[in-house]
PDB file of N, CA and C in Angstrom:
ATOM      1  N   MET A   1     -80.024 -13.640 -36.918  1.00  0.00           N
ATOM      2  CA  MET A   1     -79.312 -12.476 -36.514  1.00  0.00           C
ATOM      3  C   MET A   1     -77.861 -12.678 -36.685  1.00  0.00           C
ATOM      4  N   ALA A   2     -77.353 -11.760 -37.268  1.00  0.00           N
ATOM      5  CA  ALA A   2     -75.939 -11.873 -37.524  1.00  0.00           C
ATOM      6  C   ALA A   2     -75.211 -11.011 -36.514  1.00  0.00           C
ATOM      7  N   THR A   3     -74.202 -11.601 -35.959  1.00  0.00           N
ATOM      8  CA  THR A   3     -73.430 -10.783 -34.941  1.00  0.00           C
ATOM      9  C   THR A   3     -72.474  -9.836 -35.662  1.00  0.00           C
ATOM     10  N   ALA A   4     -72.620  -8.727 -35.326  1.00  0.00           N
ATOM     11  CA  ALA A   4     -71.711  -7.712 -35.916  1.00  0.00           C
ATOM     12  C   ALA A   4     -70.514  -7.556 -35.075  1.00  0.00           C
ATOM     13  N   LYS A   5     -69.435  -7.536 -35.772  1.00  0.00           N
ATOM     14  CA  LYS A   5     -68.174  -7.341 -35.050  1.00  0.00           C
ATOM     15  C   LYS A   5     -67.970  -5.865 -34.856  1.00  0.00           C
ATOM     16  N   LYS A   6     -67.722  -5.502 -33.659  1.00  0.00           N
ATOM     17  CA  LYS A   6     -67.399  -4.109 -33.470  1.00  0.00           C
ATOM     18  C   LYS A   6     -65.950  -3.842 -33.625  1.00  0.00           C
ATOM     19  N   LYS A   7     -65.765  -2.772 -34.280  1.00  0.00           N
ATOM     20  CA  LYS A   7     -64.382  -2.377 -34.523  1.00  0.00           C
ATOM     21  C   LYS A   7     -63.866  -1.718 -33.201  1.00  0.00           C
ATOM     22  N   VAL A   8     -62.793  -2.187 -32.664  1.00  0.00           N
ATOM     23  CA  VAL A   8     -62.195  -1.638 -31.487  1.00  0.00           C
ATOM     24  C   VAL A   8     -61.072  -0.720 -31.921  1.00  0.00           C
ATOM     25  N   ALA A   9     -61.085   0.419 -31.499  1.00  0.00           N
ATOM     26  CA  ALA A   9     -60.087   1.344 -31.859  1.00  0.00           C
ATOM     27  C   ALA A   9     -58.824   1.045 -31.051  1.00  0.00           C
ATOM     28  N   LYS A  10     -57.704   1.009 -31.797  1.00  0.00           N
ATOM     29  CA  LYS A  10     -56.459   0.767 -31.094  1.00  0.00           C
ATOM     30  C   LYS A  10     -55.973   2.020 -30.412  1.00  0.00           C
ATOM     31  N   PRO A  11     -55.417   1.876 -29.188  1.00  0.00           N
ATOM     32  CA  PRO A  11     -54.927   3.049 -28.525  1.00  0.00           C
ATOM     33  C   PRO A  11     -53.826   3.673 -29.395  1.00  0.00           C
ATOM     34  N   ALA A  12     -53.785   4.956 -29.314  1.00  0.00           N
ATOM     35  CA  ALA A  12     -52.829   5.671 -30.139  1.00  0.00           C
ATOM     36  C   ALA A  12     -51.431   5.416 -29.623  1.00  0.00           C
ATOM     37  N   ALA A  13     -50.504   5.193 -30.554  1.00  0.00           N
ATOM     38  CA  ALA A  13     -49.122   4.937 -30.162  1.00  0.00           C
ATOM     39  C   ALA A  13     -48.503   6.159 -29.457  1.00  0.00           C
ATOM     40  N   PRO A  14     -47.704   6.003 -28.422  1.00  0.00           N
ATOM     41  CA  PRO A  14     -47.150   7.149 -27.783  1.00  0.00           C
ATOM     42  C   PRO A  14     -46.303   7.923 -28.791  1.00  0.00           C
ATOM     43  N   ALA A  15     -46.303   9.211 -28.594  1.00  0.00           N
ATOM     44  CA  ALA A  15     -45.627  10.109 -29.521  1.00  0.00           C
ATOM     45  C   ALA A  15     -44.104   9.826 -29.371  1.00  0.00           C
ATOM     46  N   ARG A  16     -43.482   9.681 -30.473  1.00  0.00           N
ATOM     47  CA  ARG A  16     -42.052   9.450 -30.498  1.00  0.00           C
ATOM     48  C   ARG A  16     -41.304  10.744 -30.377  1.00  0.00           C
ATOM     49  N   LYS A  17     -40.194  10.658 -29.704  1.00  0.00           N
ATOM     50  CA  LYS A  17     -39.384  11.853 -29.625  1.00  0.00           C
ATOM     51  C   LYS A  17     -38.637  12.062 -30.909  1.00  0.00           C
ATOM     52  N   ALA A  18     -38.435  13.282 -31.263  1.00  0.00           N
ATOM     53  CA  ALA A  18     -37.839  13.605 -32.469  1.00  0.00           C
ATOM     54  C   ALA A  18     -36.371  13.065 -32.390  1.00  0.00           C
ATOM     55  N   ALA A  19     -35.942  12.446 -33.434  1.00  0.00           N
ATOM     56  CA  ALA A  19     -34.569  11.882 -33.437  1.00  0.00           C
ATOM     57  C   ALA A  19     -33.638  13.055 -33.438  1.00  0.00           C
ATOM     58  N   PRO A  20     -32.549  13.007 -32.680  1.00  0.00           N
ATOM     59  CA  PRO A  20     -31.553  14.047 -32.681  1.00  0.00           C
ATOM     60  C   PRO A  20     -30.894  14.168 -34.004  1.00  0.00           C
ATOM     61  N   ALA A  21     -30.497  15.365 -34.337  1.00  0.00           N
ATOM     62  CA  ALA A  21     -29.959  15.617 -35.645  1.00  0.00           C
ATOM     63  C   ALA A  21     -28.544  14.874 -35.656  1.00  0.00           C
ATOM     64  N   LYS A  22     -28.306  14.293 -36.773  1.00  0.00           N
ATOM     65  CA  LYS A  22     -27.046  13.567 -36.886  1.00  0.00           C
ATOM     66  C   LYS A  22     -25.861  14.544 -36.946  1.00  0.00           C
ATOM     67  N   LYS A  23     -24.824  14.237 -36.164  1.00  0.00           N
ATOM     68  CA  LYS A  23     -23.670  15.072 -36.121  1.00  0.00           C
ATOM     69  C   LYS A  23     -22.780  14.816 -37.318  1.00  0.00           C
ATOM     70  N   ALA A  24     -22.060  15.731 -37.690  1.00  0.00           N
ATOM     71  CA  ALA A  24     -21.114  15.597 -38.792  1.00  0.00           C
ATOM     72  C   ALA A  24     -19.997  14.638 -38.303  1.00  0.00           C
ATOM     73  N   ALA A  25     -19.491  13.828 -39.222  1.00  0.00           N
ATOM     74  CA  ALA A  25     -18.396  12.905 -38.853  1.00  0.00           C
ATOM     75  C   ALA A  25     -17.195  13.750 -38.302  1.00  0.00           C
ATOM     76  N   PRO A  26     -16.610  13.270 -37.189  1.00  0.00           N
ATOM     77  CA  PRO A  26     -15.483  14.094 -36.656  1.00  0.00           C
ATOM     78  C   PRO A  26     -14.303  14.076 -37.668  1.00  0.00           C
ATOM     79  N   THR A  27     -13.649  15.217 -37.658  1.00  0.00           N
ATOM     80  CA  THR A  27     -12.543  15.264 -38.586  1.00  0.00           C
ATOM     81  C   THR A  27     -11.330  14.740 -37.938  1.00  0.00           C
ATOM     82  N   VAL A  28     -10.498  14.073 -38.654  1.00  0.00           N
ATOM     83  CA  VAL A  28      -9.239  13.443 -38.072  1.00  0.00           C
ATOM     84  C   VAL A  28      -8.202  14.435 -38.221  1.00  0.00           C
ATOM     85  N   LYS A  29      -7.541  14.789 -37.087  1.00  0.00           N
ATOM     86  CA  LYS A  29      -6.445  15.687 -37.097  1.00  0.00           C
ATOM     87  C   LYS A  29      -5.202  14.977 -37.546  1.00  0.00           C
ATOM     88  N   ALA A  30      -4.470  15.549 -38.428  1.00  0.00           N
ATOM     89  CA  ALA A  30      -3.205  14.940 -38.921  1.00  0.00           C
ATOM     90  C   ALA A  30      -2.130  15.168 -37.834  1.00  0.00           C
ATOM     91  N   LYS A  31      -1.419  14.084 -37.534  1.00  0.00           N
ATOM     92  CA  LYS A  31      -0.335  14.133 -36.608  1.00  0.00           C
ATOM     93  C   LYS A  31       0.864  14.778 -37.265  1.00  0.00           C
ATOM     94  N   PRO A  32       1.597  15.544 -36.526  1.00  0.00           N
ATOM     95  CA  PRO A  32       2.800  16.137 -37.114  1.00  0.00           C
ATOM     96  C   PRO A  32       3.731  15.032 -37.525  1.00  0.00           C
ATOM     97  N   ALA A  33       4.384  15.209 -38.666  1.00  0.00           N
ATOM     98  CA  ALA A  33       5.247  14.211 -39.224  1.00  0.00           C
ATOM     99  C   ALA A  33       6.491  14.048 -38.316  1.00  0.00           C
ATOM    100  N   ALA A  34       6.929  15.095 -37.671  1.00  0.00           N
ATOM    101  CA  ALA A  34       8.214  15.082 -36.949  1.00  0.00           C
ATOM    102  C   ALA A  34       7.972  14.858 -35.452  1.00  0.00           C
ATOM    103  N   ALA A  35       7.020  14.017 -35.096  1.00  0.00           N
ATOM    104  CA  ALA A  35       6.715  13.766 -33.673  1.00  0.00           C
ATOM    105  C   ALA A  35       7.897  12.949 -33.087  1.00  0.00           C
ATOM    106  N   ALA A  36       8.557  13.537 -32.035  1.00  0.00           N
ATOM    107  CA  ALA A  36       9.630  12.923 -31.390  1.00  0.00           C
ATOM    108  C   ALA A  36       9.141  11.791 -30.488  1.00  0.00           C
ATOM    109  N   PRO A  37       9.779  10.635 -30.492  1.00  0.00           N
ATOM    110  CA  PRO A  37       9.369   9.555 -29.585  1.00  0.00           C
ATOM    111  C   PRO A  37       9.723   9.963 -28.135  1.00  0.00           C
ATOM    112  N   LYS A  38       8.873   9.506 -27.202  1.00  0.00           N
ATOM    113  CA  LYS A  38       9.156   9.786 -25.802  1.00  0.00           C
ATOM    114  C   LYS A  38      10.422   9.136 -25.324  1.00  0.00           C
ATOM    115  N   ALA A  39      11.151   9.861 -24.595  1.00  0.00           N
ATOM    116  CA  ALA A  39      12.373   9.251 -24.040  1.00  0.00           C
ATOM    117  C   ALA A  39      12.033   8.288 -22.880  1.00  0.00           C
ATOM    118  N   GLU A  40      12.623   7.097 -22.991  1.00  0.00           N
ATOM    119  CA  GLU A  40      12.307   6.043 -22.016  1.00  0.00           C
ATOM    120  C   GLU A  40      13.048   6.377 -20.714  1.00  0.00           C
ATOM    121  N   LYS A  41      12.348   6.244 -19.536  1.00  0.00           N
ATOM    122  CA  LYS A  41      13.029   6.425 -18.266  1.00  0.00           C
ATOM    123  C   LYS A  41      13.922   5.247 -17.980  1.00  0.00           C
ATOM    124  N   PRO A  42      15.099   5.547 -17.458  1.00  0.00           N
ATOM    125  CA  PRO A  42      16.018   4.426 -17.105  1.00  0.00           C
ATOM    126  C   PRO A  42      15.344   3.622 -15.952  1.00  0.00           C
ATOM    127  N   LYS A  43      15.466   2.329 -15.985  1.00  0.00           N
ATOM    128  CA  LYS A  43      14.893   1.452 -14.976  1.00  0.00           C
ATOM    129  C   LYS A  43      15.667   1.665 -13.688  1.00  0.00           C
ATOM    130  N   LYS A  44      14.926   1.634 -12.533  1.00  0.00           N
ATOM    131  CA  LYS A  44      15.543   1.805 -11.243  1.00  0.00           C
ATOM    132  C   LYS A  44      16.206   0.449 -10.935  1.00  0.00           C
ATOM    133  N   PRO A  45      17.429   0.458 -10.311  1.00  0.00           N
ATOM    134  CA  PRO A  45      18.060  -0.791  -9.925  1.00  0.00           C
ATOM    135  C   PRO A  45      17.233  -1.518  -8.844  1.00  0.00           C
ATOM    136  N   LYS A  46      17.182  -2.778  -8.930  1.00  0.00           N
ATOM    137  CA  LYS A  46      16.557  -3.610  -7.899  1.00  0.00           C
ATOM    138  C   LYS A  46      17.312  -3.536  -6.633  1.00  0.00           C
ATOM    139  N   LEU A  47      16.665  -3.316  -5.474  1.00  0.00           N
ATOM    140  CA  LEU A  47      17.410  -3.186  -4.224  1.00  0.00           C
ATOM    141  C   LEU A  47      17.336  -4.547  -3.569  1.00  0.00           C
ATOM    142  N   VAL A  48      18.418  -4.802  -2.778  1.00  0.00           N
ATOM    143  CA  VAL A  48      18.497  -6.024  -2.011  1.00  0.00           C
ATOM    144  C   VAL A  48      18.714  -5.651  -0.554  1.00  0.00           C
ATOM    145  N   ARG A  49      18.016  -6.304   0.344  1.00  0.00           N
ATOM    146  CA  ARG A  49      18.104  -6.007   1.792  1.00  0.00           C
ATOM    147  C   ARG A  49      18.945  -7.147   2.380  1.00  0.00           C
ATOM    148  N   ASP A  50      19.938  -6.834   3.205  1.00  0.00           N
ATOM    149  CA  ASP A  50      20.758  -7.898   3.801  1.00  0.00           C
ATOM    150  C   ASP A  50      21.172  -7.386   5.206  1.00  0.00           C
ATOM    151  N   SER A  51      21.643  -8.353   5.972  1.00  0.00           N
ATOM    152  CA  SER A  51      22.134  -7.989   7.279  1.00  0.00           C
ATOM    153  C   SER A  51      23.476  -8.651   7.443  1.00  0.00           C
ATOM    154  N   PHE A  52      24.304  -8.130   8.329  1.00  0.00           N
ATOM    155  CA  PHE A  52      25.647  -8.691   8.505  1.00  0.00           C
ATOM    156  C   PHE A  52      26.114  -8.386   9.953  1.00  0.00           C
ATOM    157  N   THR A  53      27.104  -9.068  10.354  1.00  0.00           N
ATOM    158  CA  THR A  53      27.687  -8.814  11.653  1.00  0.00           C
ATOM    159  C   THR A  53      29.047  -8.045  11.511  1.00  0.00           C
ATOM    160  N   ILE A  54      29.247  -7.108  12.365  1.00  0.00           N
ATOM    161  CA  ILE A  54      30.441  -6.263  12.273  1.00  0.00           C
ATOM    162  C   ILE A  54      30.920  -6.000  13.696  1.00  0.00           C
ATOM    163  N   PRO A  55      32.251  -6.020  13.880  1.00  0.00           N
ATOM    164  CA  PRO A  55      32.753  -5.717  15.314  1.00  0.00           C
ATOM    165  C   PRO A  55      32.428  -4.268  15.636  1.00  0.00           C
ATOM    166  N   LYS A  56      32.293  -4.033  17.016  1.00  0.00           N
ATOM    167  CA  LYS A  56      31.930  -2.719  17.454  1.00  0.00           C
ATOM    168  C   LYS A  56      32.907  -1.637  17.008  1.00  0.00           C
ATOM    169  N   LEU A  57      34.248  -2.003  17.011  1.00  0.00           N
ATOM    170  CA  LEU A  57      35.255  -0.992  16.590  1.00  0.00           C
ATOM    171  C   LEU A  57      35.034  -0.585  15.131  1.00  0.00           C
ATOM    172  N   GLU A  58      34.767  -1.529  14.290  1.00  0.00           N
ATOM    173  CA  GLU A  58      34.511  -1.256  12.886  1.00  0.00           C
ATOM    174  C   GLU A  58      33.222  -0.508  12.718  1.00  0.00           C
ATOM    175  N   TYR A  59      32.257  -0.823  13.487  1.00  0.00           N
ATOM    176  CA  TYR A  59      30.953  -0.069  13.443  1.00  0.00           C
ATOM    177  C   TYR A  59      31.163   1.383  13.814  1.00  0.00           C
ATOM    178  N   LYS A  60      32.104   1.620  14.838  1.00  0.00           N
ATOM    179  CA  LYS A  60      32.417   2.957  15.240  1.00  0.00           C
ATOM    180  C   LYS A  60      33.101   3.722  14.072  1.00  0.00           C
ATOM    181  N   VAL A  61      33.877   3.027  13.304  1.00  0.00           N
ATOM    182  CA  VAL A  61      34.491   3.619  12.135  1.00  0.00           C
ATOM    183  C   VAL A  61      33.424   4.042  11.137  1.00  0.00           C
ATOM    184  N   LEU A  62      32.408   3.203  10.968  1.00  0.00           N
ATOM    185  CA  LEU A  62      31.311   3.563  10.115  1.00  0.00           C
ATOM    186  C   LEU A  62      30.586   4.805  10.594  1.00  0.00           C
ATOM    187  N   GLN A  63      30.379   4.887  11.872  1.00  0.00           N
ATOM    188  CA  GLN A  63      29.696   6.065  12.420  1.00  0.00           C
ATOM    189  C   GLN A  63      30.564   7.307  12.311  1.00  0.00           C
ATOM    190  N   ASP A  64      31.852   7.120  12.548  1.00  0.00           N
ATOM    191  CA  ASP A  64      32.790   8.236  12.421  1.00  0.00           C
ATOM    192  C   ASP A  64      32.862   8.797  10.959  1.00  0.00           C
ATOM    193  N   SER A  65      32.728   7.883  10.016  1.00  0.00           N
ATOM    194  CA  SER A  65      32.662   8.265   8.603  1.00  0.00           C
ATOM    195  C   SER A  65      31.423   9.062   8.297  1.00  0.00           C
ATOM    196  N   LYS A  66      30.284   8.619   8.886  1.00  0.00           N
ATOM    197  CA  LYS A  66      29.059   9.438   8.756  1.00  0.00           C
ATOM    198  C   LYS A  66      29.218  10.832   9.252  1.00  0.00           C
ATOM    199  N   ASP A  67      29.787  10.884  10.511  1.00  0.00           N
ATOM    200  CA  ASP A  67      29.985  12.167  11.120  1.00  0.00           C
ATOM    201  C   ASP A  67      30.928  13.102  10.339  1.00  0.00           C
ATOM    202  N   ARG A  68      31.983  12.457   9.834  1.00  0.00           N
ATOM    203  CA  ARG A  68      32.915  13.242   9.003  1.00  0.00           C
ATOM    204  C   ARG A  68      32.244  13.828   7.763  1.00  0.00           C
ATOM    205  N   ALA A  69      31.439  13.038   7.135  1.00  0.00           N
ATOM    206  CA  ALA A  69      30.723  13.481   5.893  1.00  0.00           C
ATOM    207  C   ALA A  69      29.784  14.660   6.245  1.00  0.00           C
ATOM    208  N   ALA A  70      29.112  14.505   7.405  1.00  0.00           N
ATOM    209  CA  ALA A  70      28.162  15.559   7.843  1.00  0.00           C
ATOM    210  C   ALA A  70      28.911  16.852   8.111  1.00  0.00           C
ATOM    211  N   ALA A  71      30.078  16.739   8.756  1.00  0.00           N
ATOM    212  CA  ALA A  71      30.903  17.885   9.042  1.00  0.00           C
ATOM    213  C   ALA A  71      31.386  18.606   7.817  1.00  0.00           C
ATOM    214  N   LEU A  72      31.499  17.826   6.694  1.00  0.00           N
ATOM    215  CA  LEU A  72      32.006  18.359   5.465  1.00  0.00           C
ATOM    216  C   LEU A  72      30.875  18.880   4.542  1.00  0.00           C
ATOM    217  N   GLY A  73      29.600  18.837   5.164  1.00  0.00           N
ATOM    218  CA  GLY A  73      28.470  19.354   4.438  1.00  0.00           C
ATOM    219  C   GLY A  73      27.787  18.355   3.543  1.00  0.00           C
ATOM    220  N   ARG A  74      28.095  17.094   3.714  1.00  0.00           N
ATOM    221  CA  ARG A  74      27.522  16.029   2.922  1.00  0.00           C
ATOM    222  C   ARG A  74      26.981  14.881   3.827  1.00  0.00           C
ATOM    223  N   PRO A  75      25.854  15.103   4.446  1.00  0.00           N
ATOM    224  CA  PRO A  75      25.296  14.046   5.348  1.00  0.00           C
ATOM    225  C   PRO A  75      24.942  12.804   4.472  1.00  0.00           C
ATOM    226  N   VAL A  76      25.278  11.631   5.057  1.00  0.00           N
ATOM    227  CA  VAL A  76      25.067  10.332   4.377  1.00  0.00           C
ATOM    228  C   VAL A  76      24.518   9.402   5.273  1.00  0.00           C
ATOM    229  N   LYS A  77      23.983   8.260   4.715  1.00  0.00           N
ATOM    230  CA  LYS A  77      23.458   7.142   5.463  1.00  0.00           C
ATOM    231  C   LYS A  77      24.562   6.085   5.537  1.00  0.00           C
ATOM    232  N   LYS A  78      24.356   5.154   6.461  1.00  0.00           N
ATOM    233  CA  LYS A  78      25.330   4.056   6.589  1.00  0.00           C
ATOM    234  C   LYS A  78      25.534   3.313   5.269  1.00  0.00           C
ATOM    235  N   SER A  79      24.425   3.089   4.632  1.00  0.00           N
ATOM    236  CA  SER A  79      24.484   2.278   3.395  1.00  0.00           C
ATOM    237  C   SER A  79      25.291   2.988   2.338  1.00  0.00           C
ATOM    238  N   GLU A  80      25.230   4.376   2.345  1.00  0.00           N
ATOM    239  CA  GLU A  80      26.010   5.119   1.393  1.00  0.00           C
ATOM    240  C   GLU A  80      27.501   4.989   1.666  1.00  0.00           C
ATOM    241  N   VAL A  81      27.888   5.025   2.955  1.00  0.00           N
ATOM    242  CA  VAL A  81      29.227   4.873   3.320  1.00  0.00           C
ATOM    243  C   VAL A  81      29.720   3.487   2.868  1.00  0.00           C
ATOM    244  N   LEU A  82      28.952   2.488   3.039  1.00  0.00           N
ATOM    245  CA  LEU A  82      29.364   1.130   2.687  1.00  0.00           C
ATOM    246  C   LEU A  82      29.478   1.009   1.178  1.00  0.00           C
ATOM    247  N   ARG A  83      28.538   1.589   0.436  1.00  0.00           N
ATOM    248  CA  ARG A  83      28.566   1.528  -1.009  1.00  0.00           C
ATOM    249  C   ARG A  83      29.776   2.262  -1.540  1.00  0.00           C
ATOM    250  N   ALA A  84      30.114   3.420  -0.872  1.00  0.00           N
ATOM    251  CA  ALA A  84      31.332   4.167  -1.313  1.00  0.00           C
ATOM    252  C   ALA A  84      32.541   3.316  -1.108  1.00  0.00           C
ATOM    253  N   GLY A  85      32.582   2.591  -0.019  1.00  0.00           N
ATOM    254  CA  GLY A  85      33.686   1.700   0.267  1.00  0.00           C
ATOM    255  C   GLY A  85      33.828   0.542  -0.719  1.00  0.00           C
ATOM    256  N   LEU A  86      32.679   0.070  -1.224  1.00  0.00           N
ATOM    257  CA  LEU A  86      32.679  -1.022  -2.190  1.00  0.00           C
ATOM    258  C   LEU A  86      33.215  -0.350  -3.538  1.00  0.00           C
ATOM    259  N   LYS A  87      32.835   0.833  -3.849  1.00  0.00           N
ATOM    260  CA  LYS A  87      33.342   1.429  -5.118  1.00  0.00           C
ATOM    261  C   LYS A  87      34.877   1.656  -5.006  1.00  0.00           C
ATOM    262  N   ALA A  88      35.329   1.986  -3.804  1.00  0.00           N
ATOM    263  CA  ALA A  88      36.758   2.185  -3.673  1.00  0.00           C
ATOM    264  C   ALA A  88      37.487   0.863  -3.789  1.00  0.00           C
ATOM    265  N   LEU A  89      36.969  -0.227  -3.264  1.00  0.00           N
ATOM    266  CA  LEU A  89      37.538  -1.545  -3.386  1.00  0.00           C
ATOM    267  C   LEU A  89      37.521  -1.978  -4.870  1.00  0.00           C
ATOM    268  N   ALA A  90      36.433  -1.710  -5.562  1.00  0.00           N
ATOM    269  CA  ALA A  90      36.360  -2.104  -6.966  1.00  0.00           C
ATOM    270  C   ALA A  90      37.316  -1.352  -7.840  1.00  0.00           C
ATOM    271  N   GLY A  91      37.681  -0.199  -7.390  1.00  0.00           N
ATOM    272  CA  GLY A  91      38.659   0.593  -8.241  1.00  0.00           C
ATOM    273  C   GLY A  91      40.111   0.253  -7.970  1.00  0.00           C
ATOM    274  N   MET A  92      40.374  -0.561  -6.954  1.00  0.00           N
ATOM    275  CA  MET A  92      41.776  -0.955  -6.600  1.00  0.00           C
ATOM    276  C   MET A  92      42.309  -1.983  -7.609  1.00  0.00           C
ATOM    277  N   ASN A  93      43.645  -1.973  -7.722  1.00  0.00           N
ATOM    278  CA  ASN A  93      44.284  -3.033  -8.519  1.00  0.00           C
ATOM    279  C   ASN A  93      44.237  -4.330  -7.626  1.00  0.00           C
ATOM    280  N   ASP A  94      44.617  -5.395  -8.234  1.00  0.00           N
ATOM    281  CA  ASP A  94      44.514  -6.722  -7.490  1.00  0.00           C
ATOM    282  C   ASP A  94      45.337  -6.758  -6.258  1.00  0.00           C
ATOM    283  N   THR A  95      46.585  -6.220  -6.303  1.00  0.00           N
ATOM    284  CA  THR A  95      47.432  -6.252  -5.166  1.00  0.00           C
ATOM    285  C   THR A  95      46.888  -5.502  -4.029  1.00  0.00           C
ATOM    286  N   ALA A  96      46.405  -4.253  -4.284  1.00  0.00           N
ATOM    287  CA  ALA A  96      45.784  -3.452  -3.199  1.00  0.00           C
ATOM    288  C   ALA A  96      44.555  -4.046  -2.686  1.00  0.00           C
ATOM    289  N   PHE A  97      43.773  -4.706  -3.578  1.00  0.00           N
ATOM    290  CA  PHE A  97      42.529  -5.290  -3.115  1.00  0.00           C
ATOM    291  C   PHE A  97      42.806  -6.519  -2.193  1.00  0.00           C
ATOM    292  N   VAL A  98      43.724  -7.315  -2.496  1.00  0.00           N
ATOM    293  CA  VAL A  98      44.056  -8.469  -1.639  1.00  0.00           C
ATOM    294  C   VAL A  98      44.633  -7.968  -0.306  1.00  0.00           C
ATOM    295  N   ALA A  99      45.436  -6.873  -0.386  1.00  0.00           N
ATOM    296  CA  ALA A  99      45.955  -6.315   0.888  1.00  0.00           C
ATOM    297  C   ALA A  99      44.866  -5.731   1.770  1.00  0.00           C
ATOM    298  N   ALA A 100      43.882  -5.106   1.208  1.00  0.00           N
ATOM    299  CA  ALA A 100      42.700  -4.628   1.976  1.00  0.00           C
ATOM    300  C   ALA A 100      41.938  -5.766   2.567  1.00  0.00           C
ATOM    301  N   LEU A 101      41.748  -6.808   1.843  1.00  0.00           N
ATOM    302  CA  LEU A 101      40.896  -7.939   2.368  1.00  0.00           C
ATOM    303  C   LEU A 101      41.739  -8.626   3.484  1.00  0.00           C
ATOM    304  N   GLY A 102      43.087  -8.658   3.329  1.00  0.00           N
ATOM    305  CA  GLY A 102      43.961  -9.274   4.352  1.00  0.00           C
ATOM    306  C   GLY A 102      43.927  -8.476   5.661  1.00  0.00           C
ATOM    307  N   ALA A 103      43.592  -7.150   5.613  1.00  0.00           N
ATOM    308  CA  ALA A 103      43.548  -6.366   6.815  1.00  0.00           C
ATOM    309  C   ALA A 103      42.269  -6.577   7.635  1.00  0.00           C
ATOM    310  N   VAL A 104      41.390  -7.286   7.044  1.00  0.00           N
ATOM    311  CA  VAL A 104      40.056  -7.509   7.714  1.00  0.00           C
ATOM    312  C   VAL A 104      40.032  -8.935   8.215  1.00  0.00           C
ATOM    313  N   PRO A 105      39.958  -9.192   9.506  1.00  0.00           N
ATOM    314  CA  PRO A 105      39.949 -10.561  10.001  1.00  0.00           C
ATOM    315  C   PRO A 105      38.564 -11.230   9.745  1.00  0.00           C
ATOM    316  N   ALA A 106      38.577 -12.518   9.526  1.00  0.00           N
ATOM    317  CA  ALA A 106      37.365 -13.268   9.272  1.00  0.00           C
ATOM    318  C   ALA A 106      36.576 -13.362  10.643  1.00  0.00           C
ATOM    319  N   LEU A 107      35.229 -13.329  10.551  1.00  0.00           N
ATOM    320  CA  LEU A 107      34.416 -13.422  11.744  1.00  0.00           C
ATOM    321  C   LEU A 107      33.635 -14.738  11.707  1.00  0.00           C
ATOM    322  N   LYS A 108      33.236 -15.173  12.933  1.00  0.00           N
ATOM    323  CA  LYS A 108      32.357 -16.256  13.024  1.00  0.00           C
ATOM    324  C   LYS A 108      30.983 -15.854  12.546  1.00  0.00           C
ATOM    325  N   THR A 109      30.376 -16.643  11.680  1.00  0.00           N
ATOM    326  CA  THR A 109      29.118 -16.345  11.101  1.00  0.00           C
ATOM    327  C   THR A 109      27.914 -16.530  12.088  1.00  0.00           C
ATOM    328  N   GLY A 110      26.867 -15.859  11.880  1.00  0.00           N
ATOM    329  CA  GLY A 110      25.676 -16.038  12.714  1.00  0.00           C
ATOM    330  C   GLY A 110      25.520 -14.858  13.619  1.00  0.00           C
ATOM    331  N   ARG A 111      24.540 -14.825  14.414  1.00  0.00           N
ATOM    332  CA  ARG A 111      24.175 -13.737  15.289  1.00  0.00           C
ATOM    333  C   ARG A 111      25.090 -13.819  16.561  1.00  0.00           C
ATOM    334  N   PRO A 112      25.518 -12.615  17.053  1.00  0.00           N
ATOM    335  CA  PRO A 112      26.349 -12.741  18.250  1.00  0.00           C
ATOM    336  C   PRO A 112      25.501 -13.016  19.462  1.00  0.00           C
ATOM    337  N   ALA A 113      26.128 -13.640  20.451  1.00  0.00           N
ATOM    338  CA  ALA A 113      25.441 -14.050  21.670  1.00  0.00           C
ATOM    339  C   ALA A 113      25.025 -12.819  22.388  1.00  0.00           C
ATOM    340  N   LYS A 114      23.844 -12.832  23.052  1.00  0.00           N
ATOM    341  CA  LYS A 114      23.329 -11.702  23.839  1.00  0.00           C
ATOM    342  C   LYS A 114      24.193 -11.520  25.043  1.00  0.00           C
ATOM    343  N   THR A 115      24.549 -10.297  25.378  1.00  0.00           N
ATOM    344  CA  THR A 115      25.397 -10.067  26.549  1.00  0.00           C
ATOM    345  C   THR A 115      24.638  -9.118  27.500  1.00  0.00           C
TER     346      THR A 115
END
């Protein structure tokens, strides 16, 4: 007796989805020849935080300057008043600069004692 091999039917392969239609290659748009370069933004200046000691009378002058600017319609911060003073000093000639520095007495450095 010869053994007969039975042919086993293979399961049908799952139906494949139809391949999507190929899209046409995208067209490349030509850039205008006279494209202006972007203007670079100016860099913001780096800020420095500092503290200092100032006599009460001079601090009052600082506050009075703030009040004066506000009364003239130009409210300012203390730092703006100080920066304006620095610009005024920078614009002086050497003789006037030394005279302005001589009008300011030197102070002992460090924090004032608590009272």
